[in-house]
Structures are given as C-alpha cells and as structure tokens.
Amino acid sequence: MEPEQLPQLIAQIALADPRVRREDPTERRAQIVMWAGILAEVPYDFALQAAQTHYATSTWPILPAEIATRWAAVVRDRMNRHNGTFEPTAHPELDPDDVDGYLAALRGERQAVVLGQAPPSEVKELTAGPAAEEAARRLDELGSYVPRTVDELLDKHRPTKAARRAAILAGQPDALAVPCTYCKAPAGQRCRINRIDASGALGRRERSTPHPTRIDDARTAQNGATQ
C-alpha cells in the first residue's frame, strides 16, 4: 500500500469506528507514518476488506497489526500451494543466458500469485500437461512411494498387506477394507477362527483367506463406490 493511500483507508475505517482516527493534526501525521510502515506490503483493497471483516464481529478498534497478520496468512497459504517452478516457454522473449531477466520474470510470477493476480501453480498440475502419460506410466511402475520391487521383497514379512495388494492388482475387491460380519474382524484385520477350548476359554487364530461373506461385502462396497 502506498503511503498516500493511508489517509483514505483510515477515513473509511473511521466511518465504522471514529475512535481509529486521530483528531490532532500532529498525531494524525504520526499515525499515518506508523500505519504506512506496518501495512507497506498490504494492498489497499485487502486492508479495507479486513477492516470490514473485523467490525462484522467485533466492537474493538482494529489495529494495523491485525490487518498485516491477515494478509500474511493469505500470502502464506497461496505460496504454500504454489510449486514455485518456472516455465521458460511462458516467456519466449527471454534469452536463455539472460539471468537477470529470468530472475525478474520469476519474481514477477511469484508476486502475481501473492497479490492474487494469478492462481497458485499447484504440484498436481505438473502431471496434467504433455508429460501426463509419462508420469502415469512411472507411477504405475512404482505403485507407491516404495518401488514395487521392494514391496515384493517385503511381502513375506507382511502377508496381510501382500494379500490386499495382490487382490487389488488382480481386479478383485479388497476384502479387508470392510469388517467381517461372520467372525467380527474389524476392517484392516484378517479374518479369524474363534475356538473355545475345554476350559471354556476363547482362542483365536487368523485365517489365511477372508470369509466368503466378507469378500461379497467388499465387492458390494466396491460396486457401490464405482457407481
């Protein structure tokens, strides 16, 4: 915000809260200088909107720090969603060796995001362009953040996860995604066999395969989600 915009901003706020504006000319000049330093990075329109939002729910006088804090939160949110990459093809006028021009264009793009003049370029957009097919191929090859080849080596140590992944890759429903109505095993846990020994104590051991009713329930849930 430019310093010359501060008198107008304070006058607008004073329409809702006369306590904000100083009456003494000397104090008023000092107030403008102070607010100008605090709100130097805040656009005028945002500052006015922040004041309106404040007085919609509060009867306390607004402080310039409140406006600056609101603006900082907006900037932080936008930049957290911005991937920060620079696409040279968007600037055909730049020479590849023009470092100063590159830095100026990069700063201009980021400033446009900060001010809301351009939407944040989010990471997911990187797979929506010409490289989408290649990105999909690589993700399919990896399967997850852990390469599929590593997953397969670990299968013998985690049979439950291995069985679930094998079922999904085979196009079968993930039975462990739903609870078992037969043995009462909760979702995410393998089916079990409940037994009562001669003393009347209840014993359990896990089944290597889900109960048929659980597979049917998982298929029903999968079909419902697809529809």
C-alpha atoms as a PDB file:
ATOM      1  CA  MET A   1       0.000   0.000   0.000  1.00  0.00           C
ATOM      2  CA  GLU A   2       1.291   3.460  -0.890  1.00  0.00           C
ATOM      3  CA  PRO A   3       1.611   5.980   1.991  1.00  0.00           C
ATOM      4  CA  GLU A   4      -0.756   8.394   0.266  1.00  0.00           C
ATOM      5  CA  GLN A   5      -3.494   5.745   0.455  1.00  0.00           C
ATOM      6  CA  LEU A   6      -3.380   5.609   4.256  1.00  0.00           C
ATOM      7  CA  PRO A   7      -5.467   8.763   4.943  1.00  0.00           C
ATOM      8  CA  GLN A   8      -8.248   7.360   2.758  1.00  0.00           C
ATOM      9  CA  LEU A   9      -8.062   3.948   4.461  1.00  0.00           C
ATOM     10  CA  ILE A  10      -8.221   5.456   7.933  1.00  0.00           C
ATOM     11  CA  ALA A  11     -11.099   7.699   6.853  1.00  0.00           C
ATOM     12  CA  GLN A  12     -13.013   4.678   5.555  1.00  0.00           C
ATOM     13  CA  ILE A  13     -12.421   2.754   8.780  1.00  0.00           C
ATOM     14  CA  ALA A  14     -13.480   5.803  10.820  1.00  0.00           C
ATOM     15  CA  LEU A  15     -16.910   5.604   9.228  1.00  0.00           C
ATOM     16  CA  ALA A  16     -17.418   2.401  11.222  1.00  0.00           C
ATOM     17  CA  ASP A  17     -15.275   3.341  14.209  1.00  0.00           C
ATOM     18  CA  PRO A  18     -14.460   7.063  14.814  1.00  0.00           C
ATOM     19  CA  ARG A  19     -12.058   6.013  17.592  1.00  0.00           C
ATOM     20  CA  VAL A  20      -9.489   4.933  14.990  1.00  0.00           C
ATOM     21  CA  ARG A  21      -8.781   8.361  13.509  1.00  0.00           C
ATOM     22  CA  ARG A  22      -6.664  10.852  15.436  1.00  0.00           C
ATOM     23  CA  GLU A  23      -8.078  14.363  15.674  1.00  0.00           C
ATOM     24  CA  ASP A  24      -4.859  16.200  16.457  1.00  0.00           C
ATOM     25  CA  PRO A  25      -3.036  17.021  13.172  1.00  0.00           C
ATOM     26  CA  THR A  26       0.372  16.085  14.577  1.00  0.00           C
ATOM     27  CA  GLU A  27      -0.892  12.775  15.943  1.00  0.00           C
ATOM     28  CA  ARG A  28      -2.700  12.112  12.661  1.00  0.00           C
ATOM     29  CA  ARG A  29       0.524  12.517  10.671  1.00  0.00           C
ATOM     30  CA  ALA A  30       2.347  10.242  13.107  1.00  0.00           C
ATOM     31  CA  GLN A  31      -0.462   7.701  12.814  1.00  0.00           C
ATOM     32  CA  ILE A  32      -0.237   7.679   9.016  1.00  0.00           C
ATOM     33  CA  VAL A  33       3.537   7.183   9.144  1.00  0.00           C
ATOM     34  CA  MET A  34       3.167   4.308  11.609  1.00  0.00           C
ATOM     35  CA  TRP A  35       0.380   2.570   9.688  1.00  0.00           C
ATOM     36  CA  ALA A  36       2.244   3.053   6.398  1.00  0.00           C
ATOM     37  CA  GLY A  37       5.245   1.171   7.764  1.00  0.00           C
ATOM     38  CA  ILE A  38       3.132  -1.697   9.098  1.00  0.00           C
ATOM     39  CA  LEU A  39       0.918  -2.025   6.024  1.00  0.00           C
ATOM     40  CA  ALA A  40       3.579  -1.370   3.375  1.00  0.00           C
ATOM     41  CA  GLU A  41       3.083  -4.825   1.795  1.00  0.00           C
ATOM     42  CA  VAL A  42      -0.709  -4.961   2.191  1.00  0.00           C
ATOM     43  CA  PRO A  43      -2.902  -3.972  -0.798  1.00  0.00           C
ATOM     44  CA  TYR A  44      -5.411  -1.199  -0.095  1.00  0.00           C
ATOM     45  CA  ASP A  45      -8.457  -3.252  -1.108  1.00  0.00           C
ATOM     46  CA  PHE A  46      -7.428  -6.137   1.153  1.00  0.00           C
ATOM     47  CA  ALA A  47      -6.853  -3.794   4.107  1.00  0.00           C
ATOM     48  CA  LEU A  48     -10.310  -2.286   3.693  1.00  0.00           C
ATOM     49  CA  GLN A  49     -11.903  -5.729   3.421  1.00  0.00           C
ATOM     50  CA  ALA A  50     -10.004  -6.901   6.520  1.00  0.00           C
ATOM     51  CA  ALA A  51     -11.398  -3.936   8.450  1.00  0.00           C
ATOM     52  CA  GLN A  52     -14.920  -4.756   7.293  1.00  0.00           C
ATOM     53  CA  THR A  53     -14.460  -8.383   8.376  1.00  0.00           C
ATOM     54  CA  HIS A  54     -13.155  -7.235  11.765  1.00  0.00           C
ATOM     55  CA  TYR A  55     -16.088  -4.923  12.511  1.00  0.00           C
ATOM     56  CA  ALA A  56     -18.602  -7.518  11.384  1.00  0.00           C
ATOM     57  CA  THR A  57     -17.857  -9.476  14.565  1.00  0.00           C
ATOM     58  CA  SER A  58     -16.013  -7.107  16.923  1.00  0.00           C
ATOM     59  CA  THR A  59     -16.660  -3.797  18.645  1.00  0.00           C
ATOM     60  CA  TRP A  60     -12.985  -3.266  19.485  1.00  0.00           C
ATOM     61  CA  PRO A  61     -10.924  -0.793  17.411  1.00  0.00           C
ATOM     62  CA  ILE A  62      -8.895  -2.501  14.726  1.00  0.00           C
ATOM     63  CA  LEU A  63      -5.102  -2.381  14.903  1.00  0.00           C
ATOM     64  CA  PRO A  64      -2.855  -2.274  11.820  1.00  0.00           C
ATOM     65  CA  ALA A  65      -1.159  -5.453  13.074  1.00  0.00           C
ATOM     66  CA  GLU A  66      -4.448  -7.318  12.673  1.00  0.00           C
ATOM     67  CA  ILE A  67      -4.640  -6.310   9.021  1.00  0.00           C
ATOM     68  CA  ALA A  68      -0.997  -7.213   8.411  1.00  0.00           C
ATOM     69  CA  THR A  69      -1.457 -10.589  10.130  1.00  0.00           C
ATOM     70  CA  ARG A  70      -4.481 -11.430   7.987  1.00  0.00           C
ATOM     71  CA  TRP A  71      -2.545 -10.537   4.843  1.00  0.00           C
ATOM     72  CA  ALA A  72       0.471 -12.615   5.899  1.00  0.00           C
ATOM     73  CA  ALA A  73      -1.815 -15.639   6.372  1.00  0.00           C
ATOM     74  CA  VAL A  74      -3.265 -15.208   2.873  1.00  0.00           C
ATOM     75  CA  VAL A  75       0.196 -14.896   1.322  1.00  0.00           C
ATOM     76  CA  ARG A  76       1.444 -17.925   3.240  1.00  0.00           C
ATOM     77  CA  ASP A  77      -1.497 -20.024   2.046  1.00  0.00           C
ATOM     78  CA  ARG A  78      -1.016 -19.013  -1.590  1.00  0.00           C
ATOM     79  CA  MET A  79       2.719 -19.659  -1.584  1.00  0.00           C
ATOM     80  CA  ASN A  80       2.325 -22.990   0.220  1.00  0.00           C
ATOM     81  CA  ARG A  81       0.100 -24.106  -2.667  1.00  0.00           C
ATOM     82  CA  HIS A  82       2.421 -22.676  -5.327  1.00  0.00           C
ATOM     83  CA  ASN A  83       5.012 -25.148  -6.618  1.00  0.00           C
ATOM     84  CA  GLY A  84       7.474 -22.357  -7.366  1.00  0.00           C
ATOM     85  CA  THR A  85       8.636 -23.793 -10.689  1.00  0.00           C
ATOM     86  CA  PHE A  86       9.390 -21.587 -13.671  1.00  0.00           C
ATOM     87  CA  GLU A  87       8.253 -22.489 -17.185  1.00  0.00           C
ATOM     88  CA  PRO A  88      10.638 -20.905 -19.727  1.00  0.00           C
ATOM     89  CA  THR A  89       8.223 -21.482 -22.617  1.00  0.00           C
ATOM     90  CA  ALA A  90       5.867 -18.986 -20.965  1.00  0.00           C
ATOM     91  CA  HIS A  91       8.494 -16.310 -21.605  1.00  0.00           C
ATOM     92  CA  PRO A  92       9.705 -16.713 -25.190  1.00  0.00           C
ATOM     93  CA  GLU A  93      11.098 -13.187 -25.072  1.00  0.00           C
ATOM     94  CA  LEU A  94      13.806 -14.231 -22.614  1.00  0.00           C
ATOM     95  CA  ASP A  95      17.268 -15.183 -23.776  1.00  0.00           C
ATOM     96  CA  PRO A  96      18.403 -18.484 -22.133  1.00  0.00           C
ATOM     97  CA  ASP A  97      21.534 -16.702 -20.897  1.00  0.00           C
ATOM     98  CA  ASP A  98      19.671 -13.687 -19.508  1.00  0.00           C
ATOM     99  CA  VAL A  99      19.969 -14.445 -15.794  1.00  0.00           C
ATOM    100  CA  ASP A 100      18.688 -11.036 -14.696  1.00  0.00           C
ATOM    101  CA  GLY A 101      15.680 -11.349 -16.997  1.00  0.00           C
ATOM    102  CA  TYR A 102      14.977 -14.846 -15.669  1.00  0.00           C
ATOM    103  CA  LEU A 103      15.077 -13.661 -12.051  1.00  0.00           C
ATOM    104  CA  ALA A 104      12.845 -10.688 -12.841  1.00  0.00           C
ATOM    105  CA  ALA A 105      10.296 -12.926 -14.564  1.00  0.00           C
ATOM    106  CA  LEU A 106      10.376 -15.404 -11.671  1.00  0.00           C
ATOM    107  CA  ARG A 107       9.828 -12.620  -9.146  1.00  0.00           C
ATOM    108  CA  GLY A 108       7.014 -11.256 -11.293  1.00  0.00           C
ATOM    109  CA  GLU A 109       5.245 -14.626 -11.385  1.00  0.00           C
ATOM    110  CA  ARG A 110       5.525 -15.083  -7.646  1.00  0.00           C
ATOM    111  CA  GLN A 111       4.370 -11.538  -6.969  1.00  0.00           C
ATOM    112  CA  ALA A 112       1.323 -12.149  -9.164  1.00  0.00           C
ATOM    113  CA  VAL A 113       0.475 -15.200  -7.037  1.00  0.00           C
ATOM    114  CA  VAL A 114       0.992 -13.251  -3.806  1.00  0.00           C
ATOM    115  CA  LEU A 115      -1.320 -10.452  -4.960  1.00  0.00           C
ATOM    116  CA  GLY A 116      -3.964 -12.858  -6.263  1.00  0.00           C
ATOM    117  CA  GLN A 117      -3.437 -11.755  -9.857  1.00  0.00           C
ATOM    118  CA  ALA A 118      -2.563 -15.348 -10.842  1.00  0.00           C
ATOM    119  CA  PRO A 119      -3.660 -18.618  -9.244  1.00  0.00           C
ATOM    120  CA  PRO A 120      -1.057 -20.754  -7.449  1.00  0.00           C
ATOM    121  CA  SER A 121       0.525 -23.335  -9.723  1.00  0.00           C
ATOM    122  CA  GLU A 122      -0.070 -26.426  -7.618  1.00  0.00           C
ATOM    123  CA  VAL A 123       2.035 -29.583  -7.784  1.00  0.00           C
ATOM    124  CA  LYS A 124      -0.772 -31.723  -9.161  1.00  0.00           C
ATOM    125  CA  GLU A 125      -0.831 -29.542 -12.261  1.00  0.00           C
ATOM    126  CA  LEU A 126       2.609 -30.870 -13.206  1.00  0.00           C
ATOM    127  CA  THR A 127       1.015 -34.153 -14.272  1.00  0.00           C
ATOM    128  CA  ALA A 128      -1.789 -32.520 -16.270  1.00  0.00           C
ATOM    129  CA  GLY A 129       0.241 -31.355 -19.258  1.00  0.00           C
ATOM    130  CA  PRO A 130       2.169 -33.086 -22.040  1.00  0.00           C
ATOM    131  CA  ALA A 131       4.076 -35.205 -19.508  1.00  0.00           C
ATOM    132  CA  ALA A 132       0.893 -36.702 -18.023  1.00  0.00           C
ATOM    133  CA  GLU A 133       1.228 -40.027 -19.857  1.00  0.00           C
ATOM    134  CA  GLU A 134       4.847 -40.475 -18.815  1.00  0.00           C
ATOM    135  CA  ALA A 135       4.031 -39.518 -15.210  1.00  0.00           C
ATOM    136  CA  ALA A 136       1.180 -42.040 -15.127  1.00  0.00           C
ATOM    137  CA  ARG A 137       3.472 -44.755 -16.502  1.00  0.00           C
ATOM    138  CA  ARG A 138       6.078 -44.124 -13.844  1.00  0.00           C
ATOM    139  CA  LEU A 139       3.526 -44.028 -11.040  1.00  0.00           C
ATOM    140  CA  ASP A 140       2.067 -47.311 -12.270  1.00  0.00           C
ATOM    141  CA  GLU A 141       5.546 -48.822 -12.301  1.00  0.00           C
ATOM    142  CA  LEU A 142       6.309 -47.646  -8.804  1.00  0.00           C
ATOM    143  CA  GLY A 143       2.890 -48.352  -7.340  1.00  0.00           C
ATOM    144  CA  SER A 144       3.643 -46.140  -4.343  1.00  0.00           C
ATOM    145  CA  TYR A 145       6.441 -44.191  -2.770  1.00  0.00           C
ATOM    146  CA  VAL A 146       8.110 -47.565  -2.246  1.00  0.00           C
ATOM    147  CA  PRO A 147       9.092 -49.227  -5.559  1.00  0.00           C
ATOM    148  CA  ARG A 148       7.006 -52.294  -6.311  1.00  0.00           C
ATOM    149  CA  THR A 149      10.110 -54.479  -6.457  1.00  0.00           C
ATOM    150  CA  VAL A 150      10.903 -53.540  -2.852  1.00  0.00           C
ATOM    151  CA  ASP A 151       7.301 -54.200  -1.843  1.00  0.00           C
ATOM    152  CA  GLU A 152       7.540 -57.699  -3.298  1.00  0.00           C
ATOM    153  CA  LEU A 153      10.718 -58.430  -1.313  1.00  0.00           C
ATOM    154  CA  LEU A 154       8.935 -57.410   1.877  1.00  0.00           C
ATOM    155  CA  ASP A 155       5.791 -59.455   1.178  1.00  0.00           C
ATOM    156  CA  LYS A 156       6.929 -62.451   3.205  1.00  0.00           C
ATOM    157  CA  HIS A 157       7.182 -60.237   6.282  1.00  0.00           C
ATOM    158  CA  ARG A 158       3.733 -58.687   5.891  1.00  0.00           C
ATOM    159  CA  PRO A 159       1.358 -61.233   4.366  1.00  0.00           C
ATOM    160  CA  THR A 160      -1.751 -59.186   5.115  1.00  0.00           C
ATOM    161  CA  LYS A 161      -0.624 -56.222   3.045  1.00  0.00           C
ATOM    162  CA  ALA A 162       0.681 -58.529   0.320  1.00  0.00           C
ATOM    163  CA  ALA A 163      -2.682 -60.281   0.037  1.00  0.00           C
ATOM    164  CA  ARG A 164      -4.556 -56.990  -0.156  1.00  0.00           C
ATOM    165  CA  ARG A 165      -2.281 -55.628  -2.883  1.00  0.00           C
ATOM    166  CA  ALA A 166      -2.462 -58.876  -4.858  1.00  0.00           C
ATOM    167  CA  ALA A 167      -6.249 -58.792  -4.767  1.00  0.00           C
ATOM    168  CA  ILE A 168      -6.375 -55.188  -5.967  1.00  0.00           C
ATOM    169  CA  LEU A 169      -3.882 -55.823  -8.790  1.00  0.00           C
ATOM    170  CA  ALA A 170      -5.967 -58.816  -9.869  1.00  0.00           C
ATOM    171  CA  GLY A 171      -9.083 -56.671 -10.037  1.00  0.00           C
ATOM    172  CA  GLN A 172     -10.622 -58.354  -7.006  1.00  0.00           C
ATOM    173  CA  PRO A 173     -12.227 -56.470  -4.109  1.00  0.00           C
ATOM    174  CA  ASP A 174     -10.099 -55.641  -1.087  1.00  0.00           C
ATOM    175  CA  ALA A 175     -11.869 -57.794   1.466  1.00  0.00           C
ATOM    176  CA  LEU A 176     -10.039 -56.254   4.412  1.00  0.00           C
ATOM    177  CA  ALA A 177     -11.411 -52.831   3.516  1.00  0.00           C
ATOM    178  CA  VAL A 178     -14.691 -53.826   5.213  1.00  0.00           C
ATOM    179  CA  PRO A 179     -15.362 -55.565   8.531  1.00  0.00           C
ATOM    180  CA  CYS A 180     -16.283 -59.241   8.536  1.00  0.00           C
ATOM    181  CA  THR A 181     -19.865 -59.887   9.593  1.00  0.00           C
ATOM    182  CA  TYR A 182     -19.081 -63.593  10.137  1.00  0.00           C
ATOM    183  CA  CYS A 183     -16.130 -63.531  12.540  1.00  0.00           C
ATOM    184  CA  LYS A 184     -16.484 -59.856  13.570  1.00  0.00           C
ATOM    185  CA  ALA A 185     -12.937 -58.967  12.487  1.00  0.00           C
ATOM    186  CA  PRO A 186     -12.720 -55.184  12.077  1.00  0.00           C
ATOM    187  CA  ALA A 187     -11.680 -53.521   8.823  1.00  0.00           C
ATOM    188  CA  GLY A 188      -7.957 -53.772   8.207  1.00  0.00           C
ATOM    189  CA  GLN A 189      -7.538 -57.025  10.168  1.00  0.00           C
ATOM    190  CA  ARG A 190      -7.541 -60.562   8.802  1.00  0.00           C
ATOM    191  CA  CYS A 191     -10.449 -62.901   9.389  1.00  0.00           C
ATOM    192  CA  ARG A 192     -10.084 -65.250  12.319  1.00  0.00           C
ATOM    193  CA  ILE A 193     -11.231 -68.586  13.577  1.00  0.00           C
ATOM    194  CA  ASN A 194     -12.738 -68.469  17.034  1.00  0.00           C
ATOM    195  CA  ARG A 195     -12.433 -71.561  19.185  1.00  0.00           C
ATOM    196  CA  ILE A 196     -13.427 -72.444  22.737  1.00  0.00           C
ATOM    197  CA  ASP A 197     -11.108 -74.923  24.499  1.00  0.00           C
ATOM    198  CA  ALA A 198     -12.068 -77.498  27.109  1.00  0.00           C
ATOM    199  CA  SER A 199     -11.742 -74.946  29.893  1.00  0.00           C
ATOM    200  CA  GLY A 200     -14.192 -72.615  28.165  1.00  0.00           C
ATOM    201  CA  ALA A 201     -11.547 -70.043  27.217  1.00  0.00           C
ATOM    202  CA  LEU A 202     -11.901 -68.325  23.866  1.00  0.00           C
ATOM    203  CA  GLY A 203      -8.989 -68.770  21.470  1.00  0.00           C
ATOM    204  CA  ARG A 204      -8.391 -67.174  18.097  1.00  0.00           C
ATOM    205  CA  ARG A 205      -6.111 -67.626  15.136  1.00  0.00           C
ATOM    206  CA  GLU A 206      -6.013 -65.764  11.865  1.00  0.00           C
ATOM    207  CA  ARG A 207      -7.294 -67.251   8.629  1.00  0.00           C
ATOM    208  CA  SER A 208      -5.081 -67.149   5.562  1.00  0.00           C
ATOM    209  CA  THR A 209      -8.070 -66.130   3.441  1.00  0.00           C
ATOM    210  CA  PRO A 210     -11.109 -63.914   4.167  1.00  0.00           C
ATOM    211  CA  HIS A 211     -14.510 -65.442   4.790  1.00  0.00           C
ATOM    212  CA  PRO A 212     -16.653 -65.648   1.622  1.00  0.00           C
ATOM    213  CA  THR A 213     -19.284 -63.321   3.095  1.00  0.00           C
ATOM    214  CA  ARG A 214     -16.607 -60.683   3.641  1.00  0.00           C
ATOM    215  CA  ILE A 215     -15.473 -60.924   0.024  1.00  0.00           C
ATOM    216  CA  ASP A 216     -19.089 -60.475  -1.091  1.00  0.00           C
ATOM    217  CA  ASP A 217     -19.493 -57.442   1.179  1.00  0.00           C
ATOM    218  CA  ALA A 218     -16.289 -55.934  -0.194  1.00  0.00           C
ATOM    219  CA  ARG A 219     -17.450 -56.499  -3.770  1.00  0.00           C
ATOM    220  CA  THR A 220     -20.776 -54.823  -2.971  1.00  0.00           C
ATOM    221  CA  ALA A 221     -18.969 -51.851  -1.431  1.00  0.00           C
ATOM    222  CA  GLN A 222     -16.614 -51.639  -4.414  1.00  0.00           C
ATOM    223  CA  ASN A 223     -19.501 -51.689  -6.883  1.00  0.00           C
ATOM    224  CA  GLY A 224     -21.324 -49.025  -4.914  1.00  0.00           C
ATOM    225  CA  ALA A 225     -18.262 -46.758  -4.904  1.00  0.00           C
ATOM    226  CA  THR A 226     -17.798 -47.256  -8.656  1.00  0.00           C
ATOM    227  CA  GLN A 227     -21.401 -46.354  -9.367  1.00  0.00           C
END
